[in-house]
Amino acid sequence: MKKTCLSVNINKVATLRNARGGEVPDVVKFALDCERFGAQGITVHPRPDERHIRYSDVFALREVIATELNVEGYPSNDFLKLVEAVKPAQVTLVPDPPDAITSQAGWNTVQEGSFLRDVVHTLKNQGTRVSLFMEPNREWLEEAAKLGTDRVEFYTGPYAHGYPANPSEAVAPYAEAAIWVNELGLGLNAGHDLNLDNLHFFRRHLPNLLEVSIGHALICDALYLGIENTIQLYRRQLI
Protein backbone atom coordinates (compact mmCIF):
# COMPACT_ATOMS: atom_id res chain seq x y z
CA MET A 1 0.00 0.00 0.00
CA LYS A 2 1.44 3.33 -1.06
CA LYS A 3 1.78 6.30 1.27
CA THR A 4 -1.13 8.74 1.02
CA CYS A 5 -0.34 12.40 1.62
CA LEU A 6 -2.73 14.96 3.06
CA SER A 7 -2.94 18.28 1.22
CA VAL A 8 -5.00 20.88 3.09
CA ASN A 9 -7.16 23.14 0.95
CA ILE A 10 -7.16 26.58 2.60
CA ASN A 11 -9.82 28.27 0.43
CA LYS A 12 -12.26 28.48 3.33
CA VAL A 13 -9.71 30.37 5.42
CA ALA A 14 -9.47 32.95 2.66
CA THR A 15 -13.28 33.11 2.49
CA LEU A 16 -13.39 34.01 6.18
CA ARG A 17 -10.72 36.68 5.69
CA ASN A 18 -12.48 38.21 2.69
CA ALA A 19 -15.84 38.33 4.48
CA ARG A 20 -14.51 40.97 6.86
CA GLY A 21 -11.72 42.55 4.84
CA GLY A 22 -8.19 43.02 6.06
CA GLU A 23 -5.77 40.15 6.62
CA VAL A 24 -7.36 38.20 9.50
CA PRO A 25 -7.08 35.26 9.45
CA ASP A 26 -3.67 35.35 7.82
CA VAL A 27 -3.82 32.83 4.97
CA VAL A 28 -0.07 32.42 4.65
CA LYS A 29 0.45 31.92 8.39
CA PHE A 30 -2.39 29.39 8.45
CA ALA A 31 -0.76 27.43 5.63
CA LEU A 32 2.56 27.40 7.44
CA ASP A 33 0.85 26.24 10.62
CA CYS A 34 -0.83 23.42 8.68
CA GLU A 35 2.57 22.28 7.48
CA ARG A 36 3.97 22.53 11.01
CA PHE A 37 1.09 20.40 12.32
CA GLY A 38 1.62 17.65 9.75
CA ALA A 39 0.04 18.62 6.43
CA GLN A 40 2.10 17.26 3.55
CA GLY A 41 0.85 19.80 1.05
CA ILE A 42 -1.23 22.95 0.64
CA THR A 43 -3.98 23.27 -1.97
CA VAL A 44 -5.54 26.46 -3.28
CA HIS A 45 -8.21 26.99 -5.92
CA PRO A 46 -8.20 30.61 -7.11
CA ARG A 47 -11.29 31.63 -9.05
CA PRO A 48 -11.65 34.54 -11.47
CA ASP A 49 -13.61 36.69 -8.99
CA GLU A 50 -11.06 35.98 -6.21
CA ARG A 51 -13.90 35.41 -3.75
CA HIS A 52 -11.60 33.33 -1.58
CA ILE A 53 -7.98 32.71 -2.61
CA ARG A 54 -6.52 35.68 -4.45
CA TYR A 55 -3.86 35.43 -7.12
CA SER A 56 -1.59 37.44 -4.81
CA ASP A 57 -2.08 34.73 -2.15
CA VAL A 58 -0.73 32.12 -4.54
CA PHE A 59 2.44 34.13 -5.12
CA ALA A 60 2.88 34.69 -1.38
CA LEU A 61 2.38 31.01 -0.60
CA ARG A 62 4.84 29.91 -3.25
CA GLU A 63 7.57 31.85 -1.47
CA VAL A 64 7.19 30.01 1.83
CA ILE A 65 5.60 26.58 1.31
CA ALA A 66 8.10 23.87 2.22
CA THR A 67 5.95 20.86 1.27
CA GLU A 68 3.99 20.86 -2.00
CA LEU A 69 1.81 23.63 -3.38
CA ASN A 70 -1.10 22.31 -5.43
CA VAL A 71 -2.94 24.93 -7.47
CA GLU A 72 -6.36 23.91 -8.78
CA GLY A 73 -8.42 25.65 -11.38
CA TYR A 74 -9.95 25.88 -14.82
CA PRO A 75 -7.19 26.42 -17.42
CA SER A 76 -8.19 29.90 -18.56
CA ASN A 77 -5.53 32.20 -19.97
CA ASP A 78 -5.24 34.06 -16.66
CA PHE A 79 -4.93 30.83 -14.70
CA LEU A 80 -2.25 29.48 -17.01
CA LYS A 81 -0.29 32.73 -16.72
CA LEU A 82 -0.52 32.44 -12.94
CA VAL A 83 0.83 28.89 -12.74
CA GLU A 84 3.54 29.66 -15.29
CA ALA A 85 4.77 32.45 -13.02
CA VAL A 86 4.34 30.54 -9.75
CA LYS A 87 5.50 27.10 -10.93
CA PRO A 88 3.78 25.07 -8.18
CA ALA A 89 4.67 21.45 -7.57
CA GLN A 90 1.31 20.36 -8.99
CA VAL A 91 -1.48 21.87 -11.05
CA THR A 92 -4.87 20.18 -10.86
CA LEU A 93 -7.07 21.09 -13.81
CA VAL A 94 -10.81 21.17 -13.10
CA PRO A 95 -13.69 21.78 -15.54
CA ASP A 96 -15.38 24.50 -13.47
CA PRO A 97 -17.26 27.38 -15.06
CA PRO A 98 -16.25 30.79 -13.64
CA ASP A 99 -19.32 31.11 -11.40
CA ALA A 100 -19.19 27.60 -9.90
CA ILE A 101 -19.53 27.46 -6.11
CA THR A 102 -17.51 24.25 -5.98
CA SER A 103 -16.41 21.48 -8.32
CA GLN A 104 -19.28 19.20 -9.31
CA ALA A 105 -17.90 16.96 -12.08
CA GLY A 106 -14.73 15.69 -13.67
CA TRP A 107 -13.37 16.17 -17.18
CA ASN A 108 -14.92 14.43 -20.15
CA THR A 109 -11.57 13.83 -21.80
CA VAL A 110 -13.19 12.42 -24.95
CA GLN A 111 -14.90 15.73 -25.68
CA GLU A 112 -12.22 18.00 -24.23
CA GLY A 113 -9.14 16.06 -25.30
CA SER A 114 -7.86 18.43 -28.00
CA PHE A 115 -8.10 21.38 -25.60
CA LEU A 116 -6.51 19.57 -22.66
CA ARG A 117 -3.66 18.03 -24.65
CA ASP A 118 -2.04 21.38 -25.37
CA VAL A 119 -2.56 22.58 -21.78
CA VAL A 120 -1.04 19.44 -20.27
CA HIS A 121 1.91 19.62 -22.65
CA THR A 122 2.56 23.27 -21.82
CA LEU A 123 2.43 22.71 -18.05
CA LYS A 124 4.70 19.68 -18.16
CA ASN A 125 7.24 21.60 -20.21
CA GLN A 126 7.29 24.13 -17.38
CA GLY A 127 8.29 21.36 -14.98
CA THR A 128 4.92 21.12 -13.22
CA ARG A 129 3.20 17.85 -12.33
CA VAL A 130 -0.27 17.77 -13.91
CA SER A 131 -3.38 16.16 -12.47
CA LEU A 132 -6.82 16.04 -14.10
CA PHE A 133 -9.99 16.10 -11.98
CA MET A 134 -11.81 12.95 -13.11
CA GLU A 135 -14.70 10.59 -12.49
CA PRO A 136 -14.28 6.79 -12.38
CA ASN A 137 -15.09 6.36 -16.07
CA ARG A 138 -12.79 3.92 -17.88
CA GLU A 139 -13.00 5.51 -21.32
CA TRP A 140 -12.30 8.98 -19.94
CA LEU A 141 -9.38 7.70 -17.84
CA GLU A 142 -7.85 5.97 -20.86
CA GLU A 143 -8.09 9.22 -22.81
CA ALA A 144 -6.52 11.09 -19.88
CA ALA A 145 -3.48 8.81 -20.07
CA LYS A 146 -3.14 9.52 -23.79
CA LEU A 147 -3.08 13.26 -23.05
CA GLY A 148 0.13 12.82 -21.07
CA THR A 149 -1.16 13.81 -17.62
CA ASP A 150 0.87 12.60 -14.65
CA ARG A 151 -2.03 11.95 -12.30
CA VAL A 152 -5.79 12.01 -12.03
CA GLU A 153 -7.77 13.22 -9.04
CA PHE A 154 -11.00 11.33 -8.44
CA TYR A 155 -14.04 13.54 -7.86
CA THR A 156 -15.36 11.81 -4.73
CA GLY A 157 -18.63 13.71 -4.25
CA PRO A 158 -20.78 10.71 -5.30
CA TYR A 159 -18.82 8.44 -2.95
CA ALA A 160 -19.38 10.77 -0.01
CA HIS A 161 -23.07 11.08 -0.85
CA GLY A 162 -23.57 7.30 -1.04
CA TYR A 163 -21.33 6.32 1.86
CA PRO A 164 -23.86 6.68 4.75
CA ALA A 165 -26.35 4.31 3.13
CA ASN A 166 -23.98 1.72 1.67
CA PRO A 167 -20.21 2.23 2.01
CA SER A 168 -19.23 -0.81 -0.06
CA GLU A 169 -21.49 0.14 -2.93
CA ALA A 170 -20.30 3.74 -2.81
CA VAL A 171 -16.61 2.89 -2.98
CA ALA A 172 -16.86 0.07 -5.55
CA PRO A 173 -16.59 2.15 -8.76
CA TYR A 174 -13.60 4.04 -7.34
CA ALA A 175 -11.81 0.89 -6.24
CA GLU A 176 -12.27 -0.61 -9.70
CA ALA A 177 -11.19 2.60 -11.42
CA ALA A 178 -8.10 2.79 -9.19
CA ILE A 179 -6.96 -0.49 -10.74
CA TRP A 180 -7.39 1.00 -14.22
CA VAL A 181 -5.42 4.08 -13.19
CA ASN A 182 -2.56 1.90 -11.99
CA GLU A 183 -2.62 -0.13 -15.22
CA LEU A 184 -2.47 3.10 -17.22
CA GLY A 185 0.67 4.16 -15.36
CA LEU A 186 -0.91 7.23 -13.74
CA GLY A 187 -0.68 8.50 -10.19
CA LEU A 188 -3.91 8.74 -8.21
CA ASN A 189 -5.25 11.61 -6.08
CA ALA A 190 -8.74 12.18 -4.70
CA GLY A 191 -10.85 14.95 -3.25
CA HIS A 192 -14.30 16.41 -2.61
CA ASP A 193 -16.45 15.85 0.47
CA LEU A 194 -13.98 13.45 2.06
CA ASN A 195 -14.15 13.71 5.86
CA LEU A 196 -13.33 11.97 9.13
CA ASP A 197 -16.28 9.61 8.71
CA ASN A 198 -15.61 8.32 5.20
CA LEU A 199 -11.90 8.86 4.54
CA HIS A 200 -10.40 5.75 6.13
CA PHE A 201 -12.81 3.40 4.34
CA PHE A 202 -12.00 5.06 1.01
CA ARG A 203 -8.27 4.87 1.64
CA ARG A 204 -8.45 1.20 2.61
CA HIS A 205 -10.07 0.30 -0.72
CA LEU A 206 -7.66 2.32 -2.90
CA PRO A 207 -4.17 1.09 -1.96
CA ASN A 208 -2.49 3.13 -4.73
CA LEU A 209 -3.93 6.45 -3.52
CA LEU A 210 -1.11 9.02 -3.41
CA GLU A 211 -2.82 12.17 -2.17
CA VAL A 212 -6.09 13.54 -0.87
CA SER A 213 -6.96 17.23 -0.99
CA ILE A 214 -9.41 18.20 1.75
CA GLY A 215 -10.65 21.65 2.67
CA HIS A 216 -14.26 22.29 3.64
CA ALA A 217 -14.74 19.37 6.03
CA LEU A 218 -11.30 19.75 7.57
CA ILE A 219 -11.71 23.46 8.27
CA CYS A 220 -15.18 22.86 9.72
CA ASP A 221 -13.78 20.16 12.02
CA ALA A 222 -11.01 22.53 13.08
CA LEU A 223 -13.61 24.98 14.44
CA TYR A 224 -14.45 22.40 17.10
CA LEU A 225 -11.26 20.37 17.41
CA GLY A 226 -8.47 22.84 16.66
CA ILE A 227 -6.39 22.79 13.50
CA GLU A 228 -3.41 20.86 14.92
CA ASN A 229 -5.59 18.09 16.33
CA THR A 230 -7.72 17.98 13.19
CA ILE A 231 -4.77 17.55 10.86
CA GLN A 232 -3.46 14.71 13.01
CA LEU A 233 -6.88 13.05 13.01
CA TYR A 234 -7.03 13.19 9.20
CA ARG A 235 -3.48 11.87 8.91
CA ARG A 236 -4.47 8.85 11.01
CA GLN A 237 -7.30 8.05 8.60
CA LEU A 238 -4.72 7.66 5.83
CA ILE A 239 -2.60 5.02 7.53
C-alpha atoms as a PDB file:
ATOM      1  CA  MET A   1       0.000   0.000   0.000  1.00  0.00           C
ATOM      2  CA  LYS A   2       1.443   3.334  -1.062  1.00  0.00           C
ATOM      3  CA  LYS A   3       1.780   6.298   1.265  1.00  0.00           C
ATOM      4  CA  THR A   4      -1.129   8.742   1.016  1.00  0.00           C
ATOM      5  CA  CYS A   5      -0.336  12.401   1.623  1.00  0.00           C
ATOM      6  CA  LEU A   6      -2.735  14.965   3.056  1.00  0.00           C
ATOM      7  CA  SER A   7      -2.945  18.282   1.220  1.00  0.00           C
ATOM      8  CA  VAL A   8      -5.004  20.876   3.089  1.00  0.00           C
ATOM      9  CA  ASN A   9      -7.164  23.138   0.948  1.00  0.00           C
ATOM     10  CA  ILE A  10      -7.164  26.576   2.598  1.00  0.00           C
ATOM     11  CA  ASN A  11      -9.816  28.268   0.427  1.00  0.00           C
ATOM     12  CA  LYS A  12     -12.262  28.482   3.330  1.00  0.00           C
ATOM     13  CA  VAL A  13      -9.713  30.366   5.424  1.00  0.00           C
ATOM     14  CA  ALA A  14      -9.474  32.955   2.663  1.00  0.00           C
ATOM     15  CA  THR A  15     -13.280  33.110   2.486  1.00  0.00           C
ATOM     16  CA  LEU A  16     -13.386  34.014   6.177  1.00  0.00           C
ATOM     17  CA  ARG A  17     -10.723  36.683   5.691  1.00  0.00           C
ATOM     18  CA  ASN A  18     -12.475  38.209   2.694  1.00  0.00           C
ATOM     19  CA  ALA A  19     -15.836  38.335   4.482  1.00  0.00           C
ATOM     20  CA  ARG A  20     -14.508  40.974   6.862  1.00  0.00           C
ATOM     21  CA  GLY A  21     -11.720  42.549   4.835  1.00  0.00           C
ATOM     22  CA  GLY A  22      -8.186  43.023   6.056  1.00  0.00           C
ATOM     23  CA  GLU A  23      -5.769  40.150   6.616  1.00  0.00           C
ATOM     24  CA  VAL A  24      -7.361  38.197   9.496  1.00  0.00           C
ATOM     25  CA  PRO A  25      -7.078  35.259   9.447  1.00  0.00           C
ATOM     26  CA  ASP A  26      -3.670  35.347   7.816  1.00  0.00           C
ATOM     27  CA  VAL A  27      -3.822  32.828   4.969  1.00  0.00           C
ATOM     28  CA  VAL A  28      -0.066  32.418   4.654  1.00  0.00           C
ATOM     29  CA  LYS A  29       0.447  31.921   8.394  1.00  0.00           C
ATOM     30  CA  PHE A  30      -2.389  29.394   8.451  1.00  0.00           C
ATOM     31  CA  ALA A  31      -0.763  27.431   5.628  1.00  0.00           C
ATOM     32  CA  LEU A  32       2.559  27.400   7.442  1.00  0.00           C
ATOM     33  CA  ASP A  33       0.851  26.236  10.624  1.00  0.00           C
ATOM     34  CA  CYS A  34      -0.832  23.423   8.681  1.00  0.00           C
ATOM     35  CA  GLU A  35       2.575  22.281   7.483  1.00  0.00           C
ATOM     36  CA  ARG A  36       3.970  22.531  11.010  1.00  0.00           C
ATOM     37  CA  PHE A  37       1.089  20.403  12.325  1.00  0.00           C
ATOM     38  CA  GLY A  38       1.619  17.655   9.754  1.00  0.00           C
ATOM     39  CA  ALA A  39       0.041  18.619   6.433  1.00  0.00           C
ATOM     40  CA  GLN A  40       2.103  17.264   3.555  1.00  0.00           C
ATOM     41  CA  GLY A  41       0.854  19.803   1.049  1.00  0.00           C
ATOM     42  CA  ILE A  42      -1.233  22.955   0.638  1.00  0.00           C
ATOM     43  CA  THR A  43      -3.980  23.268  -1.968  1.00  0.00           C
ATOM     44  CA  VAL A  44      -5.544  26.460  -3.282  1.00  0.00           C
ATOM     45  CA  HIS A  45      -8.210  26.987  -5.923  1.00  0.00           C
ATOM     46  CA  PRO A  46      -8.203  30.614  -7.108  1.00  0.00           C
ATOM     47  CA  ARG A  47     -11.287  31.635  -9.054  1.00  0.00           C
ATOM     48  CA  PRO A  48     -11.645  34.537 -11.472  1.00  0.00           C
ATOM     49  CA  ASP A  49     -13.612  36.689  -8.989  1.00  0.00           C
ATOM     50  CA  GLU A  50     -11.061  35.985  -6.212  1.00  0.00           C
ATOM     51  CA  ARG A  51     -13.901  35.412  -3.754  1.00  0.00           C
ATOM     52  CA  HIS A  52     -11.595  33.331  -1.577  1.00  0.00           C
ATOM     53  CA  ILE A  53      -7.982  32.712  -2.614  1.00  0.00           C
ATOM     54  CA  ARG A  54      -6.522  35.681  -4.451  1.00  0.00           C
ATOM     55  CA  TYR A  55      -3.856  35.427  -7.124  1.00  0.00           C
ATOM     56  CA  SER A  56      -1.591  37.435  -4.810  1.00  0.00           C
ATOM     57  CA  ASP A  57      -2.075  34.727  -2.146  1.00  0.00           C
ATOM     58  CA  VAL A  58      -0.733  32.124  -4.545  1.00  0.00           C
ATOM     59  CA  PHE A  59       2.440  34.125  -5.116  1.00  0.00           C
ATOM     60  CA  ALA A  60       2.879  34.690  -1.384  1.00  0.00           C
ATOM     61  CA  LEU A  61       2.379  31.014  -0.596  1.00  0.00           C
ATOM     62  CA  ARG A  62       4.844  29.910  -3.253  1.00  0.00           C
ATOM     63  CA  GLU A  63       7.571  31.852  -1.471  1.00  0.00           C
ATOM     64  CA  VAL A  64       7.189  30.009   1.831  1.00  0.00           C
ATOM     65  CA  ILE A  65       5.597  26.581   1.312  1.00  0.00           C
ATOM     66  CA  ALA A  66       8.098  23.871   2.217  1.00  0.00           C
ATOM     67  CA  THR A  67       5.945  20.860   1.270  1.00  0.00           C
ATOM     68  CA  GLU A  68       3.993  20.860  -2.000  1.00  0.00           C
ATOM     69  CA  LEU A  69       1.815  23.628  -3.378  1.00  0.00           C
ATOM     70  CA  ASN A  70      -1.097  22.307  -5.430  1.00  0.00           C
ATOM     71  CA  VAL A  71      -2.937  24.935  -7.475  1.00  0.00           C
ATOM     72  CA  GLU A  72      -6.361  23.912  -8.777  1.00  0.00           C
ATOM     73  CA  GLY A  73      -8.422  25.650 -11.384  1.00  0.00           C
ATOM     74  CA  TYR A  74      -9.949  25.880 -14.821  1.00  0.00           C
ATOM     75  CA  PRO A  75      -7.193  26.422 -17.423  1.00  0.00           C
ATOM     76  CA  SER A  76      -8.190  29.901 -18.555  1.00  0.00           C
ATOM     77  CA  ASN A  77      -5.533  32.200 -19.971  1.00  0.00           C
ATOM     78  CA  ASP A  78      -5.243  34.060 -16.658  1.00  0.00           C
ATOM     79  CA  PHE A  79      -4.931  30.825 -14.698  1.00  0.00           C
ATOM     80  CA  LEU A  80      -2.246  29.480 -17.005  1.00  0.00           C
ATOM     81  CA  LYS A  81      -0.287  32.726 -16.721  1.00  0.00           C
ATOM     82  CA  LEU A  82      -0.517  32.444 -12.945  1.00  0.00           C
ATOM     83  CA  VAL A  83       0.829  28.894 -12.744  1.00  0.00           C
ATOM     84  CA  GLU A  84       3.539  29.661 -15.294  1.00  0.00           C
ATOM     85  CA  ALA A  85       4.772  32.449 -13.018  1.00  0.00           C
ATOM     86  CA  VAL A  86       4.342  30.539  -9.748  1.00  0.00           C
ATOM     87  CA  LYS A  87       5.496  27.099 -10.928  1.00  0.00           C
ATOM     88  CA  PRO A  88       3.778  25.074  -8.183  1.00  0.00           C
ATOM     89  CA  ALA A  89       4.666  21.453  -7.570  1.00  0.00           C
ATOM     90  CA  GLN A  90       1.313  20.357  -8.986  1.00  0.00           C
ATOM     91  CA  VAL A  91      -1.478  21.865 -11.051  1.00  0.00           C
ATOM     92  CA  THR A  92      -4.875  20.178 -10.862  1.00  0.00           C
ATOM     93  CA  LEU A  93      -7.071  21.090 -13.807  1.00  0.00           C
ATOM     94  CA  VAL A  94     -10.812  21.170 -13.102  1.00  0.00           C
ATOM     95  CA  PRO A  95     -13.686  21.779 -15.540  1.00  0.00           C
ATOM     96  CA  ASP A  96     -15.379  24.501 -13.469  1.00  0.00           C
ATOM     97  CA  PRO A  97     -17.256  27.384 -15.064  1.00  0.00           C
ATOM     98  CA  PRO A  98     -16.247  30.789 -13.642  1.00  0.00           C
ATOM     99  CA  ASP A  99     -19.323  31.106 -11.396  1.00  0.00           C
ATOM    100  CA  ALA A 100     -19.192  27.597  -9.901  1.00  0.00           C
ATOM    101  CA  ILE A 101     -19.534  27.460  -6.109  1.00  0.00           C
ATOM    102  CA  THR A 102     -17.513  24.253  -5.985  1.00  0.00           C
ATOM    103  CA  SER A 103     -16.408  21.476  -8.323  1.00  0.00           C
ATOM    104  CA  GLN A 104     -19.281  19.195  -9.306  1.00  0.00           C
ATOM    105  CA  ALA A 105     -17.898  16.965 -12.076  1.00  0.00           C
ATOM    106  CA  GLY A 106     -14.729  15.687 -13.674  1.00  0.00           C
ATOM    107  CA  TRP A 107     -13.372  16.172 -17.182  1.00  0.00           C
ATOM    108  CA  ASN A 108     -14.923  14.428 -20.150  1.00  0.00           C
ATOM    109  CA  THR A 109     -11.570  13.830 -21.801  1.00  0.00           C
ATOM    110  CA  VAL A 110     -13.186  12.415 -24.950  1.00  0.00           C
ATOM    111  CA  GLN A 111     -14.905  15.728 -25.680  1.00  0.00           C
ATOM    112  CA  GLU A 112     -12.216  18.004 -24.231  1.00  0.00           C
ATOM    113  CA  GLY A 113      -9.142  16.064 -25.296  1.00  0.00           C
ATOM    114  CA  SER A 114      -7.858  18.427 -27.995  1.00  0.00           C
ATOM    115  CA  PHE A 115      -8.103  21.381 -25.604  1.00  0.00           C
ATOM    116  CA  LEU A 116      -6.512  19.569 -22.663  1.00  0.00           C
ATOM    117  CA  ARG A 117      -3.657  18.028 -24.646  1.00  0.00           C
ATOM    118  CA  ASP A 118      -2.036  21.385 -25.366  1.00  0.00           C
ATOM    119  CA  VAL A 119      -2.560  22.579 -21.783  1.00  0.00           C
ATOM    120  CA  VAL A 120      -1.045  19.440 -20.271  1.00  0.00           C
ATOM    121  CA  HIS A 121       1.910  19.616 -22.648  1.00  0.00           C
ATOM    122  CA  THR A 122       2.560  23.270 -21.818  1.00  0.00           C
ATOM    123  CA  LEU A 123       2.427  22.705 -18.055  1.00  0.00           C
ATOM    124  CA  LYS A 124       4.699  19.680 -18.156  1.00  0.00           C
ATOM    125  CA  ASN A 125       7.239  21.602 -20.213  1.00  0.00           C
ATOM    126  CA  GLN A 126       7.286  24.129 -17.376  1.00  0.00           C
ATOM    127  CA  GLY A 127       8.293  21.363 -14.980  1.00  0.00           C
ATOM    128  CA  THR A 128       4.919  21.118 -13.221  1.00  0.00           C
ATOM    129  CA  ARG A 129       3.197  17.851 -12.335  1.00  0.00           C
ATOM    130  CA  VAL A 130      -0.266  17.773 -13.905  1.00  0.00           C
ATOM    131  CA  SER A 131      -3.378  16.155 -12.470  1.00  0.00           C
ATOM    132  CA  LEU A 132      -6.821  16.040 -14.097  1.00  0.00           C
ATOM    133  CA  PHE A 133      -9.987  16.105 -11.977  1.00  0.00           C
ATOM    134  CA  MET A 134     -11.808  12.947 -13.107  1.00  0.00           C
ATOM    135  CA  GLU A 135     -14.701  10.587 -12.488  1.00  0.00           C
ATOM    136  CA  PRO A 136     -14.280   6.792 -12.383  1.00  0.00           C
ATOM    137  CA  ASN A 137     -15.089   6.360 -16.072  1.00  0.00           C
ATOM    138  CA  ARG A 138     -12.786   3.922 -17.876  1.00  0.00           C
ATOM    139  CA  GLU A 139     -13.002   5.513 -21.320  1.00  0.00           C
ATOM    140  CA  TRP A 140     -12.295   8.976 -19.939  1.00  0.00           C
ATOM    141  CA  LEU A 141      -9.383   7.702 -17.842  1.00  0.00           C
ATOM    142  CA  GLU A 142      -7.851   5.971 -20.860  1.00  0.00           C
ATOM    143  CA  GLU A 143      -8.090   9.222 -22.811  1.00  0.00           C
ATOM    144  CA  ALA A 144      -6.524  11.088 -19.877  1.00  0.00           C
ATOM    145  CA  ALA A 145      -3.481   8.811 -20.069  1.00  0.00           C
ATOM    146  CA  LYS A 146      -3.143   9.521 -23.787  1.00  0.00           C
ATOM    147  CA  LEU A 147      -3.081  13.259 -23.047  1.00  0.00           C
ATOM    148  CA  GLY A 148       0.132  12.824 -21.068  1.00  0.00           C
ATOM    149  CA  THR A 149      -1.160  13.808 -17.623  1.00  0.00           C
ATOM    150  CA  ASP A 150       0.871  12.598 -14.652  1.00  0.00           C
ATOM    151  CA  ARG A 151      -2.033  11.949 -12.299  1.00  0.00           C
ATOM    152  CA  VAL A 152      -5.792  12.013 -12.034  1.00  0.00           C
ATOM    153  CA  GLU A 153      -7.770  13.218  -9.043  1.00  0.00           C
ATOM    154  CA  PHE A 154     -11.001  11.332  -8.443  1.00  0.00           C
ATOM    155  CA  TYR A 155     -14.037  13.536  -7.856  1.00  0.00           C
ATOM    156  CA  THR A 156     -15.364  11.813  -4.726  1.00  0.00           C
ATOM    157  CA  GLY A 157     -18.633  13.709  -4.250  1.00  0.00           C
ATOM    158  CA  PRO A 158     -20.778  10.705  -5.301  1.00  0.00           C
ATOM    159  CA  TYR A 159     -18.818   8.440  -2.950  1.00  0.00           C
ATOM    160  CA  ALA A 160     -19.382  10.772  -0.005  1.00  0.00           C
ATOM    161  CA  HIS A 161     -23.071  11.079  -0.846  1.00  0.00           C
ATOM    162  CA  GLY A 162     -23.570   7.302  -1.035  1.00  0.00           C
ATOM    163  CA  TYR A 163     -21.330   6.325   1.862  1.00  0.00           C
ATOM    164  CA  PRO A 164     -23.862   6.684   4.751  1.00  0.00           C
ATOM    165  CA  ALA A 165     -26.348   4.308   3.127  1.00  0.00           C
ATOM    166  CA  ASN A 166     -23.984   1.721   1.666  1.00  0.00           C
ATOM    167  CA  PRO A 167     -20.210   2.229   2.012  1.00  0.00           C
ATOM    168  CA  SER A 168     -19.234  -0.814  -0.061  1.00  0.00           C
ATOM    169  CA  GLU A 169     -21.493   0.140  -2.930  1.00  0.00           C
ATOM    170  CA  ALA A 170     -20.301   3.741  -2.811  1.00  0.00           C
ATOM    171  CA  VAL A 171     -16.605   2.895  -2.981  1.00  0.00           C
ATOM    172  CA  ALA A 172     -16.862   0.067  -5.547  1.00  0.00           C
ATOM    173  CA  PRO A 173     -16.586   2.153  -8.760  1.00  0.00           C
ATOM    174  CA  TYR A 174     -13.599   4.043  -7.344  1.00  0.00           C
ATOM    175  CA  ALA A 175     -11.812   0.886  -6.238  1.00  0.00           C
ATOM    176  CA  GLU A 176     -12.266  -0.614  -9.704  1.00  0.00           C
ATOM    177  CA  ALA A 177     -11.189   2.598 -11.422  1.00  0.00           C
ATOM    178  CA  ALA A 178      -8.098   2.791  -9.188  1.00  0.00           C
ATOM    179  CA  ILE A 179      -6.958  -0.489 -10.739  1.00  0.00           C
ATOM    180  CA  TRP A 180      -7.390   0.997 -14.216  1.00  0.00           C
ATOM    181  CA  VAL A 181      -5.419   4.078 -13.191  1.00  0.00           C
ATOM    182  CA  ASN A 182      -2.557   1.896 -11.991  1.00  0.00           C
ATOM    183  CA  GLU A 183      -2.623  -0.132 -15.224  1.00  0.00           C
ATOM    184  CA  LEU A 184      -2.474   3.103 -17.219  1.00  0.00           C
ATOM    185  CA  GLY A 185       0.669   4.162 -15.364  1.00  0.00           C
ATOM    186  CA  LEU A 186      -0.908   7.230 -13.740  1.00  0.00           C
ATOM    187  CA  GLY A 187      -0.685   8.505 -10.192  1.00  0.00           C
ATOM    188  CA  LEU A 188      -3.909   8.741  -8.205  1.00  0.00           C
ATOM    189  CA  ASN A 189      -5.246  11.606  -6.085  1.00  0.00           C
ATOM    190  CA  ALA A 190      -8.741  12.175  -4.698  1.00  0.00           C
ATOM    191  CA  GLY A 191     -10.846  14.946  -3.247  1.00  0.00           C
ATOM    192  CA  HIS A 192     -14.302  16.408  -2.615  1.00  0.00           C
ATOM    193  CA  ASP A 193     -16.446  15.846   0.470  1.00  0.00           C
ATOM    194  CA  LEU A 194     -13.983  13.448   2.059  1.00  0.00           C
ATOM    195  CA  ASN A 195     -14.155  13.713   5.860  1.00  0.00           C
ATOM    196  CA  LEU A 196     -13.330  11.972   9.128  1.00  0.00           C
ATOM    197  CA  ASP A 197     -16.277   9.615   8.710  1.00  0.00           C
ATOM    198  CA  ASN A 198     -15.612   8.324   5.199  1.00  0.00           C
ATOM    199  CA  LEU A 199     -11.903   8.856   4.544  1.00  0.00           C
ATOM    200  CA  HIS A 200     -10.397   5.746   6.128  1.00  0.00           C
ATOM    201  CA  PHE A 201     -12.814   3.403   4.341  1.00  0.00           C
ATOM    202  CA  PHE A 202     -12.002   5.063   1.014  1.00  0.00           C
ATOM    203  CA  ARG A 203      -8.273   4.868   1.636  1.00  0.00           C
ATOM    204  CA  ARG A 204      -8.454   1.196   2.606  1.00  0.00           C
ATOM    205  CA  HIS A 205     -10.073   0.296  -0.720  1.00  0.00           C
ATOM    206  CA  LEU A 206      -7.664   2.320  -2.897  1.00  0.00           C
ATOM    207  CA  PRO A 207      -4.169   1.089  -1.962  1.00  0.00           C
ATOM    208  CA  ASN A 208      -2.490   3.128  -4.734  1.00  0.00           C
ATOM    209  CA  LEU A 209      -3.929   6.454  -3.521  1.00  0.00           C
ATOM    210  CA  LEU A 210      -1.112   9.019  -3.410  1.00  0.00           C
ATOM    211  CA  GLU A 211      -2.820  12.173  -2.166  1.00  0.00           C
ATOM    212  CA  VAL A 212      -6.091  13.540  -0.868  1.00  0.00           C
ATOM    213  CA  SER A 213      -6.964  17.226  -0.994  1.00  0.00           C
ATOM    214  CA  ILE A 214      -9.406  18.202   1.755  1.00  0.00           C
ATOM    215  CA  GLY A 215     -10.653  21.655   2.668  1.00  0.00           C
ATOM    216  CA  HIS A 216     -14.259  22.294   3.641  1.00  0.00           C
ATOM    217  CA  ALA A 217     -14.743  19.369   6.026  1.00  0.00           C
ATOM    218  CA  LEU A 218     -11.298  19.745   7.568  1.00  0.00           C
ATOM    219  CA  ILE A 219     -11.709  23.462   8.266  1.00  0.00           C
ATOM    220  CA  CYS A 220     -15.182  22.857   9.718  1.00  0.00           C
ATOM    221  CA  ASP A 221     -13.785  20.160  12.016  1.00  0.00           C
ATOM    222  CA  ALA A 222     -11.013  22.527  13.083  1.00  0.00           C
ATOM    223  CA  LEU A 223     -13.609  24.983  14.435  1.00  0.00           C
ATOM    224  CA  TYR A 224     -14.446  22.400  17.101  1.00  0.00           C
ATOM    225  CA  LEU A 225     -11.259  20.367  17.415  1.00  0.00           C
ATOM    226  CA  GLY A 226      -8.470  22.839  16.665  1.00  0.00           C
ATOM    227  CA  ILE A 227      -6.394  22.787  13.503  1.00  0.00           C
ATOM    228  CA  GLU A 228      -3.410  20.862  14.922  1.00  0.00           C
ATOM    229  CA  ASN A 229      -5.587  18.091  16.328  1.00  0.00           C
ATOM    230  CA  THR A 230      -7.723  17.983  13.194  1.00  0.00           C
ATOM    231  CA  ILE A 231      -4.771  17.549  10.858  1.00  0.00           C
ATOM    232  CA  GLN A 232      -3.458  14.706  13.005  1.00  0.00           C
ATOM    233  CA  LEU A 233      -6.881  13.045  13.008  1.00  0.00           C
ATOM    234  CA  TYR A 234      -7.027  13.190   9.205  1.00  0.00           C
ATOM    235  CA  ARG A 235      -3.485  11.867   8.908  1.00  0.00           C
ATOM    236  CA  ARG A 236      -4.473   8.852  11.005  1.00  0.00           C
ATOM    237  CA  GLN A 237      -7.305   8.047   8.596  1.00  0.00           C
ATOM    238  CA  LEU A 238      -4.715   7.665   5.830  1.00  0.00           C
ATOM    239  CA  ILE A 239      -2.598   5.018   7.530  1.00  0.00           C
END
